[in-house]
């Protein structure tokens, strides 16, 4: 297995810092310390804080995108819209990007506060779900419920025993398929 590039190491360090403090509190010093590189090394790869935040948000979204792919039974290009929506719902309910739930929630809340980063999040949602206004009511409810499950788990309030959680996700998938 190859070592990650310095850029990847820095972005992963930034994700860990953002998970603890939020994206707004990212500093070159904190990221350098977390990533085990020099501040100059961070600045070499990311000359501005905006560059670093944008790369961090993009990495979170890319990890989520990879996670959604796991729920497809076929290649993205040949999957139906319903299959893509179901994959997105199942991924949303499980938040499998490797970031702790509270940290990921914090980072995404920060993203939604800044218009310049919102398009990164929207590109993921548009890819998998499309225009929410065109979803069926069942798909909209399933998507909202999956988001609710994810928030509950991120906040460590998950009230669903494993068997019931699986049944709920199966019902959400049925709703999304119509």
C-alpha atoms as a PDB file:
ATOM      1  CA  UNK A   1       0.000   0.000   0.000  1.00  0.00           C
ATOM      2  CA  UNK A   2       1.428   3.358  -0.986  1.00  0.00           C
ATOM      3  CA  UNK A   3       1.751   6.328   1.315  1.00  0.00           C
ATOM      4  CA  UNK A   4      -0.746   9.128   0.750  1.00  0.00           C
ATOM      5  CA  UNK A   5       0.579  12.265  -0.908  1.00  0.00           C
ATOM      6  CA  UNK A   6       1.453  15.261   1.253  1.00  0.00           C
ATOM      7  CA  UNK A   7      -1.632  17.023  -0.101  1.00  0.00           C
ATOM      8  CA  UNK A   8      -3.860  14.096   0.935  1.00  0.00           C
ATOM      9  CA  UNK A   9      -2.201  13.925   4.357  1.00  0.00           C
ATOM     10  CA  UNK A  10      -2.854  17.639   4.864  1.00  0.00           C
ATOM     11  CA  UNK A  11      -6.497  17.401   3.772  1.00  0.00           C
ATOM     12  CA  UNK A  12      -7.088  14.424   6.070  1.00  0.00           C
ATOM     13  CA  UNK A  13      -5.499  16.406   8.910  1.00  0.00           C
ATOM     14  CA  UNK A  14      -7.776  19.331   8.089  1.00  0.00           C
ATOM     15  CA  UNK A  15     -10.791  17.028   8.212  1.00  0.00           C
ATOM     16  CA  UNK A  16      -9.800  15.852  11.679  1.00  0.00           C
ATOM     17  CA  UNK A  17      -9.336  19.440  12.850  1.00  0.00           C
ATOM     18  CA  UNK A  18     -12.667  20.452  11.276  1.00  0.00           C
ATOM     19  CA  UNK A  19     -14.340  17.515  13.014  1.00  0.00           C
ATOM     20  CA  UNK A  20     -13.204  18.939  16.363  1.00  0.00           C
ATOM     21  CA  UNK A  21     -13.522  22.670  15.782  1.00  0.00           C
ATOM     22  CA  UNK A  22     -15.553  23.250  12.608  1.00  0.00           C
ATOM     23  CA  UNK A  23     -14.308  24.551   9.286  1.00  0.00           C
ATOM     24  CA  UNK A  24     -14.392  28.165  10.432  1.00  0.00           C
ATOM     25  CA  UNK A  25     -11.719  27.491  13.032  1.00  0.00           C
ATOM     26  CA  UNK A  26      -9.242  25.806  10.664  1.00  0.00           C
ATOM     27  CA  UNK A  27      -5.808  27.371  10.882  1.00  0.00           C
ATOM     28  CA  UNK A  28      -2.641  26.507   9.007  1.00  0.00           C
ATOM     29  CA  UNK A  29      -0.911  25.881  12.338  1.00  0.00           C
ATOM     30  CA  UNK A  30      -3.592  23.483  13.620  1.00  0.00           C
ATOM     31  CA  UNK A  31      -3.704  21.571  10.340  1.00  0.00           C
ATOM     32  CA  UNK A  32       0.093  21.366  10.130  1.00  0.00           C
ATOM     33  CA  UNK A  33       0.289  19.973  13.655  1.00  0.00           C
ATOM     34  CA  UNK A  34      -2.511  17.456  13.021  1.00  0.00           C
ATOM     35  CA  UNK A  35      -1.060  16.332   9.682  1.00  0.00           C
ATOM     36  CA  UNK A  36       2.513  16.154  10.975  1.00  0.00           C
ATOM     37  CA  UNK A  37       3.854  18.621   8.428  1.00  0.00           C
ATOM     38  CA  UNK A  38       5.201  22.140   8.594  1.00  0.00           C
ATOM     39  CA  UNK A  39       3.022  25.207   8.268  1.00  0.00           C
ATOM     40  CA  UNK A  40       5.050  26.020   5.146  1.00  0.00           C
ATOM     41  CA  UNK A  41       4.127  22.612   3.744  1.00  0.00           C
ATOM     42  CA  UNK A  42       0.437  23.369   4.237  1.00  0.00           C
ATOM     43  CA  UNK A  43       0.798  26.780   2.600  1.00  0.00           C
ATOM     44  CA  UNK A  44       2.764  25.273  -0.302  1.00  0.00           C
ATOM     45  CA  UNK A  45      -0.202  23.034  -1.178  1.00  0.00           C
ATOM     46  CA  UNK A  46      -2.945  25.443  -0.074  1.00  0.00           C
ATOM     47  CA  UNK A  47      -1.855  29.091  -0.407  1.00  0.00           C
ATOM     48  CA  UNK A  48      -5.066  30.430   1.159  1.00  0.00           C
ATOM     49  CA  UNK A  49      -7.396  29.281   3.878  1.00  0.00           C
ATOM     50  CA  UNK A  50     -10.147  29.206   1.244  1.00  0.00           C
ATOM     51  CA  UNK A  51      -8.085  26.726  -0.808  1.00  0.00           C
ATOM     52  CA  UNK A  52      -7.680  24.528   2.269  1.00  0.00           C
ATOM     53  CA  UNK A  53     -11.348  24.702   3.278  1.00  0.00           C
ATOM     54  CA  UNK A  54     -12.512  24.037  -0.296  1.00  0.00           C
ATOM     55  CA  UNK A  55     -10.210  20.988  -0.560  1.00  0.00           C
ATOM     56  CA  UNK A  56     -11.429  19.745   2.827  1.00  0.00           C
ATOM     57  CA  UNK A  57     -15.094  20.086   1.891  1.00  0.00           C
ATOM     58  CA  UNK A  58     -14.453  18.462  -1.484  1.00  0.00           C
ATOM     59  CA  UNK A  59     -12.740  15.515   0.225  1.00  0.00           C
ATOM     60  CA  UNK A  60     -15.706  15.007   2.559  1.00  0.00           C
ATOM     61  CA  UNK A  61     -18.074  15.092  -0.423  1.00  0.00           C
ATOM     62  CA  UNK A  62     -15.828  12.772  -2.474  1.00  0.00           C
ATOM     63  CA  UNK A  63     -15.748  10.281   0.403  1.00  0.00           C
ATOM     64  CA  UNK A  64     -19.527  10.470   0.665  1.00  0.00           C
ATOM     65  CA  UNK A  65     -19.860  10.021  -3.099  1.00  0.00           C
ATOM     66  CA  UNK A  66     -17.692   6.886  -2.895  1.00  0.00           C
ATOM     67  CA  UNK A  67     -19.862   5.633  -0.052  1.00  0.00           C
ATOM     68  CA  UNK A  68     -23.062   6.135  -2.064  1.00  0.00           C
ATOM     69  CA  UNK A  69     -21.522   4.077  -4.901  1.00  0.00           C
ATOM     70  CA  UNK A  70     -21.321   1.099  -2.505  1.00  0.00           C
ATOM     71  CA  UNK A  71     -25.115   0.955  -2.402  1.00  0.00           C
ATOM     72  CA  UNK A  72     -25.580   0.605  -6.164  1.00  0.00           C
ATOM     73  CA  UNK A  73     -25.932  -2.878  -7.612  1.00  0.00           C
ATOM     74  CA  UNK A  74     -24.783  -1.677 -11.030  1.00  0.00           C
ATOM     75  CA  UNK A  75     -22.604   1.064 -12.511  1.00  0.00           C
ATOM     76  CA  UNK A  76     -23.810   4.615 -11.934  1.00  0.00           C
ATOM     77  CA  UNK A  77     -24.402   5.240 -15.659  1.00  0.00           C
ATOM     78  CA  UNK A  78     -26.833   2.341 -15.981  1.00  0.00           C
ATOM     79  CA  UNK A  79     -28.597   2.801 -12.625  1.00  0.00           C
ATOM     80  CA  UNK A  80     -32.122   4.177 -12.634  1.00  0.00           C
ATOM     81  CA  UNK A  81     -32.915   7.435 -10.860  1.00  0.00           C
ATOM     82  CA  UNK A  82     -34.769   5.431  -8.208  1.00  0.00           C
ATOM     83  CA  UNK A  83     -31.708   3.225  -7.660  1.00  0.00           C
ATOM     84  CA  UNK A  84     -29.545   6.332  -7.301  1.00  0.00           C
ATOM     85  CA  UNK A  85     -31.976   7.913  -4.852  1.00  0.00           C
ATOM     86  CA  UNK A  86     -32.112   4.718  -2.781  1.00  0.00           C
ATOM     87  CA  UNK A  87     -28.301   4.540  -2.740  1.00  0.00           C
ATOM     88  CA  UNK A  88     -28.129   8.155  -1.588  1.00  0.00           C
ATOM     89  CA  UNK A  89     -30.756   7.562   1.115  1.00  0.00           C
ATOM     90  CA  UNK A  90     -28.976   4.467   2.444  1.00  0.00           C
ATOM     91  CA  UNK A  91     -25.640   6.268   2.470  1.00  0.00           C
ATOM     92  CA  UNK A  92     -27.175   9.335   4.112  1.00  0.00           C
ATOM     93  CA  UNK A  93     -28.619   7.213   6.872  1.00  0.00           C
ATOM     94  CA  UNK A  94     -25.285   5.536   7.563  1.00  0.00           C
ATOM     95  CA  UNK A  95     -22.816   8.429   7.090  1.00  0.00           C
ATOM     96  CA  UNK A  96     -19.940   6.149   6.199  1.00  0.00           C
ATOM     97  CA  UNK A  97     -17.271   8.661   5.260  1.00  0.00           C
ATOM     98  CA  UNK A  98     -14.934   7.824   8.134  1.00  0.00           C
ATOM     99  CA  UNK A  99     -15.375  11.162   9.884  1.00  0.00           C
ATOM    100  CA  UNK A 100     -17.005  11.070  13.277  1.00  0.00           C
ATOM    101  CA  UNK A 101     -20.688  11.952  12.970  1.00  0.00           C
ATOM    102  CA  UNK A 102     -20.586  15.148  15.001  1.00  0.00           C
ATOM    103  CA  UNK A 103     -17.541  16.340  13.078  1.00  0.00           C
ATOM    104  CA  UNK A 104     -19.117  15.652   9.705  1.00  0.00           C
ATOM    105  CA  UNK A 105     -22.339  17.359  10.767  1.00  0.00           C
ATOM    106  CA  UNK A 106     -20.356  20.350  12.031  1.00  0.00           C
ATOM    107  CA  UNK A 107     -18.400  20.609   8.781  1.00  0.00           C
ATOM    108  CA  UNK A 108     -21.534  20.391   6.643  1.00  0.00           C
ATOM    109  CA  UNK A 109     -23.344  22.992   8.758  1.00  0.00           C
ATOM    110  CA  UNK A 110     -20.347  25.283   8.234  1.00  0.00           C
ATOM    111  CA  UNK A 111     -20.559  24.621   4.489  1.00  0.00           C
ATOM    112  CA  UNK A 112     -24.195  25.643   4.387  1.00  0.00           C
ATOM    113  CA  UNK A 113     -23.347  28.945   6.071  1.00  0.00           C
ATOM    114  CA  UNK A 114     -21.059  29.988   3.225  1.00  0.00           C
ATOM    115  CA  UNK A 115     -22.486  30.366  -0.282  1.00  0.00           C
ATOM    116  CA  UNK A 116     -19.075  29.827  -1.848  1.00  0.00           C
ATOM    117  CA  UNK A 117     -19.026  26.201  -0.597  1.00  0.00           C
ATOM    118  CA  UNK A 118     -22.687  25.267  -0.981  1.00  0.00           C
ATOM    119  CA  UNK A 119     -22.205  24.292  -4.632  1.00  0.00           C
ATOM    120  CA  UNK A 120     -19.825  21.494  -3.571  1.00  0.00           C
ATOM    121  CA  UNK A 121     -22.561  19.903  -1.448  1.00  0.00           C
ATOM    122  CA  UNK A 122     -25.223  20.547  -4.066  1.00  0.00           C
ATOM    123  CA  UNK A 123     -23.148  18.828  -6.742  1.00  0.00           C
ATOM    124  CA  UNK A 124     -23.299  15.599  -4.713  1.00  0.00           C
ATOM    125  CA  UNK A 125     -27.005  15.852  -4.051  1.00  0.00           C
ATOM    126  CA  UNK A 126     -27.762  16.808  -7.661  1.00  0.00           C
ATOM    127  CA  UNK A 127     -25.721  13.866  -8.960  1.00  0.00           C
ATOM    128  CA  UNK A 128     -27.590  11.299  -6.897  1.00  0.00           C
ATOM    129  CA  UNK A 129     -31.023  12.817  -6.294  1.00  0.00           C
ATOM    130  CA  UNK A 130     -31.558  15.600  -8.802  1.00  0.00           C
ATOM    131  CA  UNK A 131     -34.076  18.368  -8.287  1.00  0.00           C
ATOM    132  CA  UNK A 132     -35.866  17.614  -5.027  1.00  0.00           C
ATOM    133  CA  UNK A 133     -38.979  19.356  -6.336  1.00  0.00           C
ATOM    134  CA  UNK A 134     -39.305  16.592  -8.958  1.00  0.00           C
ATOM    135  CA  UNK A 135     -39.215  13.745  -6.427  1.00  0.00           C
ATOM    136  CA  UNK A 136     -42.378  11.941  -5.468  1.00  0.00           C
ATOM    137  CA  UNK A 137     -43.766  12.691  -2.037  1.00  0.00           C
ATOM    138  CA  UNK A 138     -42.591   9.265  -0.855  1.00  0.00           C
ATOM    139  CA  UNK A 139     -39.065   9.978  -2.108  1.00  0.00           C
ATOM    140  CA  UNK A 140     -39.047  13.355  -0.391  1.00  0.00           C
ATOM    141  CA  UNK A 141     -40.210  11.817   2.890  1.00  0.00           C
ATOM    142  CA  UNK A 142     -37.658   8.987   2.607  1.00  0.00           C
ATOM    143  CA  UNK A 143     -34.859  11.475   1.971  1.00  0.00           C
ATOM    144  CA  UNK A 144     -35.910  13.651   4.916  1.00  0.00           C
ATOM    145  CA  UNK A 145     -36.176  10.596   7.178  1.00  0.00           C
ATOM    146  CA  UNK A 146     -32.706   9.360   6.166  1.00  0.00           C
ATOM    147  CA  UNK A 147     -31.306  12.795   6.947  1.00  0.00           C
ATOM    148  CA  UNK A 148     -33.054  12.628  10.324  1.00  0.00           C
ATOM    149  CA  UNK A 149     -31.548   9.227  11.102  1.00  0.00           C
ATOM    150  CA  UNK A 150     -28.108  10.537  10.179  1.00  0.00           C
ATOM    151  CA  UNK A 151     -28.497  13.616  12.402  1.00  0.00           C
ATOM    152  CA  UNK A 152     -29.743  11.447  15.299  1.00  0.00           C
ATOM    153  CA  UNK A 153     -26.711   9.198  14.952  1.00  0.00           C
ATOM    154  CA  UNK A 154     -24.312  12.120  14.469  1.00  0.00           C
ATOM    155  CA  UNK A 155     -25.662  13.644  17.673  1.00  0.00           C
ATOM    156  CA  UNK A 156     -25.322  10.223  19.333  1.00  0.00           C
ATOM    157  CA  UNK A 157     -29.059  10.061  19.932  1.00  0.00           C
ATOM    158  CA  UNK A 158     -29.807   7.080  17.672  1.00  0.00           C
ATOM    159  CA  UNK A 159     -32.975   5.600  19.159  1.00  0.00           C
ATOM    160  CA  UNK A 160     -33.194   2.652  16.752  1.00  0.00           C
ATOM    161  CA  UNK A 161     -32.108  -0.851  17.732  1.00  0.00           C
ATOM    162  CA  UNK A 162     -30.158  -2.479  14.873  1.00  0.00           C
ATOM    163  CA  UNK A 163     -32.997  -4.740  13.661  1.00  0.00           C
ATOM    164  CA  UNK A 164     -35.531  -1.925  13.699  1.00  0.00           C
ATOM    165  CA  UNK A 165     -33.088   0.433  12.018  1.00  0.00           C
ATOM    166  CA  UNK A 166     -32.626  -2.059   9.162  1.00  0.00           C
ATOM    167  CA  UNK A 167     -36.407  -2.379   8.818  1.00  0.00           C
ATOM    168  CA  UNK A 168     -36.770   1.404   8.738  1.00  0.00           C
ATOM    169  CA  UNK A 169     -34.104   1.713   6.031  1.00  0.00           C
ATOM    170  CA  UNK A 170     -35.807  -1.024   4.010  1.00  0.00           C
ATOM    171  CA  UNK A 171     -39.085   0.898   4.284  1.00  0.00           C
ATOM    172  CA  UNK A 172     -37.378   4.102   3.196  1.00  0.00           C
ATOM    173  CA  UNK A 173     -35.978   2.266   0.170  1.00  0.00           C
ATOM    174  CA  UNK A 174     -39.491   1.003  -0.671  1.00  0.00           C
ATOM    175  CA  UNK A 175     -40.843   4.530  -0.382  1.00  0.00           C
ATOM    176  CA  UNK A 176     -38.143   5.866  -2.667  1.00  0.00           C
ATOM    177  CA  UNK A 177     -38.949   3.231  -5.276  1.00  0.00           C
ATOM    178  CA  UNK A 178     -42.637   4.132  -5.133  1.00  0.00           C
END
